[in-house]
Amino acid sequence: MAGCVQYDPVDVGGKNSELVFQSRVKGLSKARLHEELYSKRTLIEHFDKNMAMYLTSDWPKFARIRDRHQNADYEVQDLKGAVLQTVSEKKICTPKDLDLTRKIAWNWQDTSRAKAVLEMLYFQGELGIHHRVRTIRYYCPIQDLPSKEILEEADPFSRFTNFKSE
């Protein structure tokens, strides 16, 4: 079974994800959570139905969500190739590294095309979050995060893709 913890940047007494993990894992600190996400890579930040953290080994179980975003009609789809090339060259990238400042309507607020195209590529599974500094995401090619074996593992739920109830 795949499970995730929603990422929420609001930090009153701790971010939601930190509080959930601390309530379930005795003695877990923010530093240890950061280590599991960005050093050991036992956890990964990616998209479920929201920004989430889940076991890196569960990556294959979320394939249909990434596939759904591959087929979405994003306004910034035409920028995909150039941005992937830039991220590949730079290795780690934020929206400030891209010269795409014109604002577009994106999700619940207007944002730069740079942020939108990076998020689109993240939703599609082309990019991952290398690390964060506060709420700023530093993206990298997804191949730089989980092992090649995990990335190539088949969706264990694919046999249910064509399931239709009677």
N, C-alpha and C. Protein backbone atom coordinates (compact mmCIF):
# COMPACT_ATOMS: atom_id res chain seq x y z
N MET A 1 0.85 -1.18 0.00
CA MET A 1 0.00 0.00 0.00
C MET A 1 0.89 1.24 0.00
N ALA A 2 0.56 2.19 -0.86
CA ALA A 2 1.30 3.44 -0.92
C ALA A 2 0.65 4.45 0.03
N GLY A 3 1.45 5.20 0.70
CA GLY A 3 0.96 6.23 1.60
C GLY A 3 1.83 7.45 1.47
N CYS A 4 1.28 8.59 1.81
CA CYS A 4 2.07 9.81 1.72
C CYS A 4 1.68 10.74 2.86
N VAL A 5 2.53 11.72 3.09
CA VAL A 5 2.26 12.78 4.06
C VAL A 5 2.27 14.08 3.28
N GLN A 6 1.21 14.86 3.41
CA GLN A 6 1.11 16.11 2.67
C GLN A 6 2.17 17.10 3.13
N TYR A 7 2.81 17.76 2.15
CA TYR A 7 3.75 18.83 2.46
C TYR A 7 2.94 20.12 2.54
N ASP A 8 3.11 20.87 3.60
CA ASP A 8 2.46 22.17 3.76
C ASP A 8 3.51 23.12 4.31
N PRO A 9 3.77 24.24 3.60
CA PRO A 9 4.84 25.13 4.03
C PRO A 9 4.54 25.98 5.26
N VAL A 10 3.27 25.99 5.72
CA VAL A 10 2.92 26.78 6.90
C VAL A 10 3.63 26.18 8.11
N ASP A 11 4.28 27.05 8.89
CA ASP A 11 5.10 26.57 10.01
C ASP A 11 4.80 27.40 11.25
N VAL A 12 3.78 26.99 12.00
CA VAL A 12 3.45 27.68 13.23
C VAL A 12 4.21 27.03 14.38
N GLY A 13 3.98 25.74 14.58
CA GLY A 13 4.71 24.98 15.59
C GLY A 13 5.53 23.89 14.93
N GLY A 14 5.66 23.97 13.63
CA GLY A 14 6.31 22.97 12.80
C GLY A 14 5.46 22.78 11.56
N LYS A 15 6.07 22.41 10.46
CA LYS A 15 5.31 22.15 9.24
C LYS A 15 4.48 20.89 9.43
N ASN A 16 3.36 20.81 8.73
CA ASN A 16 2.46 19.67 8.85
C ASN A 16 3.21 18.35 8.70
N SER A 17 4.03 18.24 7.66
CA SER A 17 4.74 16.98 7.43
C SER A 17 5.67 16.64 8.59
N GLU A 18 6.34 17.64 9.13
CA GLU A 18 7.24 17.41 10.27
C GLU A 18 6.45 16.92 11.48
N LEU A 19 5.31 17.54 11.74
CA LEU A 19 4.49 17.16 12.89
C LEU A 19 3.94 15.75 12.74
N VAL A 20 3.49 15.40 11.52
CA VAL A 20 2.96 14.05 11.30
C VAL A 20 4.06 13.02 11.51
N PHE A 21 5.23 13.24 10.89
CA PHE A 21 6.32 12.29 11.06
C PHE A 21 6.77 12.20 12.52
N GLN A 22 6.86 13.35 13.21
CA GLN A 22 7.29 13.34 14.61
C GLN A 22 6.29 12.60 15.49
N SER A 23 5.01 12.65 15.14
CA SER A 23 4.01 11.93 15.93
C SER A 23 4.05 10.43 15.69
N ARG A 24 4.62 10.01 14.57
CA ARG A 24 4.65 8.59 14.22
C ARG A 24 6.01 7.93 14.40
N VAL A 25 7.07 8.74 14.43
CA VAL A 25 8.43 8.19 14.56
C VAL A 25 9.07 8.81 15.79
N LYS A 26 9.19 8.03 16.83
CA LYS A 26 9.72 8.52 18.09
C LYS A 26 11.12 9.13 17.91
N GLY A 27 11.29 10.33 18.43
CA GLY A 27 12.58 11.00 18.42
C GLY A 27 12.98 11.61 17.08
N LEU A 28 12.09 11.64 16.12
CA LEU A 28 12.43 12.21 14.82
C LEU A 28 12.56 13.71 14.92
N SER A 29 13.66 14.23 14.44
CA SER A 29 13.89 15.68 14.44
C SER A 29 13.76 16.23 13.03
N LYS A 30 13.66 17.55 12.92
CA LYS A 30 13.63 18.19 11.60
C LYS A 30 14.90 17.86 10.83
N ALA A 31 16.03 17.83 11.52
CA ALA A 31 17.30 17.52 10.87
C ALA A 31 17.30 16.10 10.31
N ARG A 32 16.75 15.16 11.05
CA ARG A 32 16.70 13.76 10.57
C ARG A 32 15.76 13.63 9.39
N LEU A 33 14.62 14.31 9.42
CA LEU A 33 13.69 14.28 8.30
C LEU A 33 14.37 14.86 7.05
N HIS A 34 15.08 15.96 7.23
CA HIS A 34 15.82 16.58 6.14
C HIS A 34 16.85 15.59 5.58
N GLU A 35 17.53 14.88 6.45
CA GLU A 35 18.53 13.89 6.03
C GLU A 35 17.89 12.75 5.22
N GLU A 36 16.74 12.25 5.69
CA GLU A 36 16.04 11.16 4.99
C GLU A 36 15.56 11.60 3.61
N LEU A 37 15.17 12.88 3.49
CA LEU A 37 14.70 13.41 2.21
C LEU A 37 15.84 13.76 1.25
N TYR A 38 16.85 14.45 1.74
CA TYR A 38 17.81 15.08 0.83
C TYR A 38 19.22 14.49 0.87
N SER A 39 19.51 13.61 1.80
CA SER A 39 20.82 12.96 1.84
C SER A 39 20.68 11.46 1.57
N LYS A 40 19.97 10.78 2.46
CA LYS A 40 19.79 9.34 2.30
C LYS A 40 18.82 8.99 1.18
N ARG A 41 17.88 9.88 0.92
CA ARG A 41 16.86 9.69 -0.14
C ARG A 41 15.95 8.49 0.11
N THR A 42 15.71 8.16 1.39
CA THR A 42 14.75 7.11 1.71
C THR A 42 13.32 7.63 1.54
N LEU A 43 13.16 8.94 1.62
CA LEU A 43 11.89 9.61 1.36
C LEU A 43 12.08 10.51 0.15
N ILE A 44 11.00 10.76 -0.56
CA ILE A 44 11.04 11.66 -1.71
C ILE A 44 9.86 12.61 -1.62
N GLU A 45 10.08 13.83 -2.05
CA GLU A 45 8.99 14.79 -2.19
C GLU A 45 8.49 14.69 -3.61
N HIS A 46 7.22 14.41 -3.76
CA HIS A 46 6.64 14.42 -5.10
C HIS A 46 5.16 14.64 -4.99
N PHE A 47 4.48 14.55 -6.09
CA PHE A 47 3.07 14.89 -6.15
C PHE A 47 2.23 13.63 -6.04
N ASP A 48 1.25 13.68 -5.16
CA ASP A 48 0.21 12.66 -5.08
C ASP A 48 -1.03 13.40 -5.55
N LYS A 49 -1.94 13.69 -4.69
CA LYS A 49 -3.05 14.59 -5.01
C LYS A 49 -2.71 15.99 -4.51
N ASN A 50 -1.56 16.09 -3.89
CA ASN A 50 -1.04 17.33 -3.33
C ASN A 50 0.47 17.17 -3.24
N MET A 51 1.14 18.23 -2.82
CA MET A 51 2.57 18.11 -2.57
C MET A 51 2.72 17.14 -1.41
N ALA A 52 3.58 16.14 -1.57
CA ALA A 52 3.63 15.07 -0.58
C ALA A 52 5.06 14.55 -0.39
N MET A 53 5.21 13.79 0.66
CA MET A 53 6.44 13.05 0.93
C MET A 53 6.03 11.60 1.09
N TYR A 54 6.78 10.72 0.43
CA TYR A 54 6.50 9.30 0.59
C TYR A 54 7.79 8.51 0.45
N LEU A 55 7.73 7.23 0.76
CA LEU A 55 8.91 6.38 0.63
C LEU A 55 9.39 6.38 -0.81
N THR A 56 10.66 6.55 -1.01
CA THR A 56 11.22 6.54 -2.36
C THR A 56 10.89 5.22 -3.06
N SER A 57 10.88 4.15 -2.31
CA SER A 57 10.55 2.83 -2.89
C SER A 57 9.12 2.77 -3.42
N ASP A 58 8.26 3.72 -3.03
CA ASP A 58 6.88 3.77 -3.52
C ASP A 58 6.75 4.53 -4.84
N TRP A 59 7.84 5.06 -5.37
CA TRP A 59 7.82 5.83 -6.63
C TRP A 59 7.00 5.14 -7.72
N PRO A 60 7.19 3.85 -7.98
CA PRO A 60 6.43 3.20 -9.05
C PRO A 60 4.91 3.22 -8.82
N LYS A 61 4.49 3.25 -7.58
CA LYS A 61 3.06 3.19 -7.25
C LYS A 61 2.32 4.47 -7.62
N PHE A 62 3.05 5.54 -7.90
CA PHE A 62 2.43 6.82 -8.24
C PHE A 62 2.56 7.13 -9.73
N ALA A 63 2.87 6.12 -10.54
CA ALA A 63 3.10 6.31 -11.97
C ALA A 63 1.88 6.89 -12.69
N ARG A 64 0.70 6.42 -12.35
CA ARG A 64 -0.50 6.91 -13.06
C ARG A 64 -0.75 8.38 -12.80
N ILE A 65 -0.36 8.88 -11.65
CA ILE A 65 -0.51 10.31 -11.36
C ILE A 65 0.43 11.11 -12.26
N ARG A 66 1.67 10.65 -12.37
CA ARG A 66 2.63 11.32 -13.25
C ARG A 66 2.17 11.24 -14.70
N ASP A 67 1.67 10.08 -15.12
CA ASP A 67 1.20 9.91 -16.49
C ASP A 67 0.04 10.84 -16.80
N ARG A 68 -0.84 11.04 -15.85
CA ARG A 68 -1.97 11.95 -16.05
C ARG A 68 -1.46 13.37 -16.34
N HIS A 69 -0.39 13.76 -15.66
CA HIS A 69 0.18 15.10 -15.90
C HIS A 69 0.92 15.15 -17.23
N GLN A 70 1.46 14.03 -17.71
CA GLN A 70 2.11 14.01 -19.02
C GLN A 70 1.13 14.39 -20.11
N ASN A 71 -0.12 14.00 -19.95
CA ASN A 71 -1.13 14.23 -20.97
C ASN A 71 -1.95 15.50 -20.75
N ALA A 72 -1.63 16.25 -19.71
CA ALA A 72 -2.38 17.49 -19.42
C ALA A 72 -1.99 18.58 -20.42
N ASP A 73 -2.90 19.47 -20.66
CA ASP A 73 -2.67 20.57 -21.60
C ASP A 73 -2.18 21.80 -20.85
N TYR A 74 -0.88 21.81 -20.55
CA TYR A 74 -0.29 22.93 -19.83
C TYR A 74 0.11 24.04 -20.80
N GLU A 75 -0.14 25.28 -20.40
CA GLU A 75 0.21 26.44 -21.22
C GLU A 75 1.72 26.52 -21.48
N VAL A 76 2.53 25.98 -20.60
CA VAL A 76 3.99 26.07 -20.72
C VAL A 76 4.62 24.82 -21.34
N GLN A 77 3.80 23.93 -21.88
CA GLN A 77 4.30 22.68 -22.46
C GLN A 77 5.37 22.93 -23.52
N ASP A 78 5.25 24.04 -24.28
CA ASP A 78 6.22 24.34 -25.34
C ASP A 78 7.61 24.67 -24.81
N LEU A 79 7.73 24.96 -23.52
CA LEU A 79 9.02 25.30 -22.91
C LEU A 79 9.75 24.07 -22.37
N LYS A 80 9.11 22.92 -22.40
CA LYS A 80 9.62 21.70 -21.76
C LYS A 80 11.04 21.35 -22.21
N GLY A 81 11.28 21.24 -23.49
CA GLY A 81 12.58 20.82 -23.99
C GLY A 81 13.71 21.75 -23.57
N ALA A 82 13.51 23.05 -23.74
CA ALA A 82 14.55 24.03 -23.39
C ALA A 82 14.84 24.02 -21.89
N VAL A 83 13.81 23.91 -21.07
CA VAL A 83 14.01 23.92 -19.62
C VAL A 83 14.69 22.63 -19.16
N LEU A 84 14.29 21.50 -19.72
CA LEU A 84 14.97 20.24 -19.37
C LEU A 84 16.45 20.31 -19.72
N GLN A 85 16.76 20.92 -20.86
CA GLN A 85 18.16 21.09 -21.26
C GLN A 85 18.91 21.96 -20.26
N THR A 86 18.30 23.07 -19.84
CA THR A 86 18.92 23.98 -18.87
C THR A 86 19.16 23.27 -17.54
N VAL A 87 18.15 22.56 -17.05
CA VAL A 87 18.29 21.86 -15.76
C VAL A 87 19.36 20.77 -15.88
N SER A 88 19.39 20.09 -17.00
CA SER A 88 20.41 19.05 -17.21
C SER A 88 21.82 19.64 -17.17
N GLU A 89 21.99 20.82 -17.74
CA GLU A 89 23.30 21.47 -17.76
C GLU A 89 23.68 22.02 -16.38
N LYS A 90 22.72 22.65 -15.70
CA LYS A 90 23.00 23.28 -14.41
C LYS A 90 23.04 22.27 -13.27
N LYS A 91 22.38 21.13 -13.43
CA LYS A 91 22.25 20.06 -12.44
C LYS A 91 21.22 20.36 -11.35
N ILE A 92 21.18 21.60 -10.86
CA ILE A 92 20.20 22.02 -9.85
C ILE A 92 19.69 23.39 -10.28
N CYS A 93 18.37 23.60 -10.20
CA CYS A 93 17.80 24.81 -10.77
C CYS A 93 16.59 25.29 -9.96
N THR A 94 16.45 26.61 -9.85
CA THR A 94 15.26 27.23 -9.28
C THR A 94 14.65 28.12 -10.36
N PRO A 95 13.45 28.62 -10.15
CA PRO A 95 12.86 29.51 -11.15
C PRO A 95 13.75 30.73 -11.46
N LYS A 96 14.52 31.18 -10.50
CA LYS A 96 15.38 32.35 -10.73
C LYS A 96 16.49 32.06 -11.74
N ASP A 97 16.78 30.79 -11.98
CA ASP A 97 17.81 30.41 -12.94
C ASP A 97 17.32 30.44 -14.38
N LEU A 98 16.02 30.64 -14.56
CA LEU A 98 15.43 30.66 -15.90
C LEU A 98 14.97 32.08 -16.23
N ASP A 99 15.15 32.49 -17.44
CA ASP A 99 14.75 33.84 -17.86
C ASP A 99 13.32 33.79 -18.42
N LEU A 100 12.39 33.45 -17.54
CA LEU A 100 10.99 33.31 -17.94
C LEU A 100 10.12 34.00 -16.89
N THR A 101 10.20 35.31 -16.83
CA THR A 101 9.56 36.04 -15.73
C THR A 101 8.12 36.46 -16.03
N ARG A 102 7.69 36.43 -17.29
CA ARG A 102 6.31 36.84 -17.60
C ARG A 102 5.34 35.98 -16.80
N LYS A 103 4.34 36.62 -16.21
CA LYS A 103 3.37 35.92 -15.37
C LYS A 103 2.29 35.25 -16.21
N ILE A 104 1.83 34.11 -15.72
CA ILE A 104 0.69 33.41 -16.32
C ILE A 104 -0.22 32.95 -15.19
N ALA A 105 -1.46 32.63 -15.55
CA ALA A 105 -2.39 32.06 -14.58
C ALA A 105 -1.95 30.63 -14.32
N TRP A 106 -1.71 30.30 -13.06
CA TRP A 106 -1.20 28.98 -12.71
C TRP A 106 -1.82 28.52 -11.41
N ASN A 107 -2.45 27.37 -11.44
CA ASN A 107 -3.12 26.82 -10.27
C ASN A 107 -3.97 27.88 -9.59
N TRP A 108 -3.65 28.28 -8.39
CA TRP A 108 -4.52 29.21 -7.66
C TRP A 108 -4.00 30.64 -7.66
N GLN A 109 -2.92 30.93 -8.39
CA GLN A 109 -2.40 32.30 -8.43
C GLN A 109 -1.56 32.51 -9.67
N ASP A 110 -1.40 33.77 -10.08
CA ASP A 110 -0.50 34.09 -11.17
C ASP A 110 0.93 33.83 -10.70
N THR A 111 1.74 33.30 -11.60
CA THR A 111 3.13 33.00 -11.26
C THR A 111 3.98 33.13 -12.52
N SER A 112 5.28 33.12 -12.35
CA SER A 112 6.18 33.23 -13.50
C SER A 112 6.11 31.94 -14.33
N ARG A 113 6.38 32.09 -15.62
CA ARG A 113 6.43 30.91 -16.48
C ARG A 113 7.53 29.97 -16.01
N ALA A 114 8.60 30.51 -15.42
CA ALA A 114 9.70 29.68 -14.92
C ALA A 114 9.19 28.72 -13.84
N LYS A 115 8.48 29.26 -12.87
CA LYS A 115 7.96 28.41 -11.79
C LYS A 115 6.95 27.41 -12.35
N ALA A 116 6.11 27.86 -13.26
CA ALA A 116 5.08 26.98 -13.83
C ALA A 116 5.70 25.81 -14.60
N VAL A 117 6.70 26.08 -15.44
CA VAL A 117 7.28 24.98 -16.22
C VAL A 117 8.06 24.02 -15.33
N LEU A 118 8.74 24.52 -14.31
CA LEU A 118 9.44 23.63 -13.38
C LEU A 118 8.44 22.75 -12.62
N GLU A 119 7.33 23.34 -12.18
CA GLU A 119 6.31 22.55 -11.49
C GLU A 119 5.68 21.53 -12.43
N MET A 120 5.41 21.93 -13.68
CA MET A 120 4.84 20.99 -14.64
C MET A 120 5.76 19.77 -14.80
N LEU A 121 7.06 20.04 -14.98
CA LEU A 121 8.02 18.95 -15.15
C LEU A 121 8.13 18.09 -13.89
N TYR A 122 7.97 18.71 -12.75
CA TYR A 122 7.94 18.00 -11.46
C TYR A 122 6.71 17.10 -11.40
N PHE A 123 5.53 17.64 -11.73
CA PHE A 123 4.30 16.85 -11.72
C PHE A 123 4.41 15.67 -12.69
N GLN A 124 5.07 15.89 -13.82
CA GLN A 124 5.20 14.85 -14.84
C GLN A 124 6.26 13.81 -14.49
N GLY A 125 7.05 14.06 -13.46
CA GLY A 125 8.06 13.10 -13.05
C GLY A 125 9.38 13.26 -13.78
N GLU A 126 9.57 14.35 -14.49
CA GLU A 126 10.83 14.62 -15.19
C GLU A 126 11.86 15.23 -14.24
N LEU A 127 11.38 16.00 -13.27
CA LEU A 127 12.24 16.66 -12.29
C LEU A 127 11.85 16.20 -10.89
N GLY A 128 12.80 16.30 -9.98
CA GLY A 128 12.55 16.04 -8.57
C GLY A 128 13.10 17.20 -7.75
N ILE A 129 12.80 17.20 -6.48
CA ILE A 129 13.31 18.25 -5.60
C ILE A 129 14.62 17.75 -4.99
N HIS A 130 15.69 18.40 -5.36
CA HIS A 130 17.01 18.05 -4.84
C HIS A 130 17.10 18.41 -3.37
N HIS A 131 16.65 19.63 -3.04
CA HIS A 131 16.59 20.08 -1.65
C HIS A 131 15.75 21.35 -1.60
N ARG A 132 15.51 21.80 -0.41
CA ARG A 132 14.78 23.05 -0.18
C ARG A 132 15.62 23.94 0.72
N VAL A 133 15.44 25.22 0.52
CA VAL A 133 15.92 26.22 1.46
C VAL A 133 14.66 27.01 1.83
N ARG A 134 14.22 26.81 3.06
CA ARG A 134 12.91 27.26 3.51
C ARG A 134 11.85 26.70 2.55
N THR A 135 11.12 27.53 1.83
CA THR A 135 10.10 27.00 0.91
C THR A 135 10.57 27.01 -0.55
N ILE A 136 11.79 27.42 -0.80
CA ILE A 136 12.30 27.46 -2.18
C ILE A 136 12.76 26.06 -2.59
N ARG A 137 12.19 25.57 -3.68
CA ARG A 137 12.53 24.25 -4.20
C ARG A 137 13.70 24.35 -5.18
N TYR A 138 14.66 23.47 -5.02
CA TYR A 138 15.79 23.35 -5.93
C TYR A 138 15.58 22.05 -6.71
N TYR A 139 15.27 22.18 -7.99
CA TYR A 139 14.94 21.03 -8.82
C TYR A 139 16.18 20.44 -9.48
N CYS A 140 16.11 19.15 -9.76
CA CYS A 140 17.17 18.46 -10.51
C CYS A 140 16.50 17.39 -11.36
N PRO A 141 17.22 16.84 -12.34
CA PRO A 141 16.65 15.73 -13.12
C PRO A 141 16.28 14.59 -12.18
N ILE A 142 15.13 13.99 -12.40
CA ILE A 142 14.67 12.93 -11.49
C ILE A 142 15.66 11.77 -11.45
N GLN A 143 16.42 11.56 -12.52
CA GLN A 143 17.40 10.47 -12.56
C GLN A 143 18.49 10.64 -11.50
N ASP A 144 18.64 11.85 -10.95
CA ASP A 144 19.65 12.10 -9.92
C ASP A 144 19.18 11.76 -8.51
N LEU A 145 17.92 11.34 -8.36
CA LEU A 145 17.39 11.10 -7.02
C LEU A 145 17.24 9.62 -6.68
N PRO A 146 16.14 8.96 -7.04
CA PRO A 146 16.05 7.54 -6.68
C PRO A 146 17.02 6.71 -7.51
N SER A 147 17.21 5.48 -7.11
CA SER A 147 18.07 4.60 -7.88
C SER A 147 17.45 4.31 -9.24
N LYS A 148 18.29 3.94 -10.17
CA LYS A 148 17.82 3.60 -11.52
C LYS A 148 16.81 2.45 -11.45
N GLU A 149 17.03 1.51 -10.55
CA GLU A 149 16.13 0.37 -10.41
C GLU A 149 14.72 0.81 -10.01
N ILE A 150 14.64 1.76 -9.08
CA ILE A 150 13.33 2.26 -8.66
C ILE A 150 12.66 3.02 -9.79
N LEU A 151 13.41 3.84 -10.50
CA LEU A 151 12.84 4.61 -11.61
C LEU A 151 12.31 3.71 -12.72
N GLU A 152 12.96 2.58 -12.93
CA GLU A 152 12.57 1.67 -14.02
C GLU A 152 11.53 0.64 -13.60
N GLU A 153 11.22 0.58 -12.32
CA GLU A 153 10.25 -0.41 -11.83
C GLU A 153 8.87 -0.11 -12.41
N ALA A 154 8.17 -1.15 -12.79
CA ALA A 154 6.84 -1.01 -13.39
C ALA A 154 5.80 -0.61 -12.34
N ASP A 155 4.76 0.04 -12.79
CA ASP A 155 3.63 0.40 -11.94
C ASP A 155 2.95 -0.88 -11.47
N PRO A 156 2.97 -1.18 -10.17
CA PRO A 156 2.37 -2.43 -9.70
C PRO A 156 0.84 -2.44 -9.83
N PHE A 157 0.25 -1.29 -10.10
CA PHE A 157 -1.20 -1.20 -10.21
C PHE A 157 -1.67 -1.15 -11.66
N SER A 158 -0.75 -1.30 -12.62
CA SER A 158 -1.12 -1.16 -14.03
C SER A 158 -2.18 -2.17 -14.46
N ARG A 159 -2.23 -3.31 -13.80
CA ARG A 159 -3.24 -4.31 -14.18
C ARG A 159 -4.66 -3.82 -13.89
N PHE A 160 -4.78 -2.77 -13.08
CA PHE A 160 -6.10 -2.22 -12.76
C PHE A 160 -6.47 -1.04 -13.65
N THR A 161 -5.59 -0.63 -14.54
CA THR A 161 -5.82 0.55 -15.37
C THR A 161 -7.08 0.43 -16.20
N ASN A 162 -7.32 -0.74 -16.77
CA ASN A 162 -8.50 -0.91 -17.64
C ASN A 162 -9.69 -1.53 -16.92
N PHE A 163 -9.61 -1.58 -15.61
CA PHE A 163 -10.69 -2.18 -14.82
C PHE A 163 -11.96 -1.35 -14.95
N LYS A 164 -13.05 -2.00 -15.25
CA LYS A 164 -14.35 -1.34 -15.33
C LYS A 164 -15.34 -2.09 -14.47
N SER A 165 -16.07 -1.35 -13.68
CA SER A 165 -17.08 -2.03 -12.84
C SER A 165 -18.29 -2.34 -13.70
N GLU A 166 -18.96 -3.40 -13.37
CA GLU A 166 -20.16 -3.85 -14.13
C GLU A 166 -21.35 -3.03 -13.72
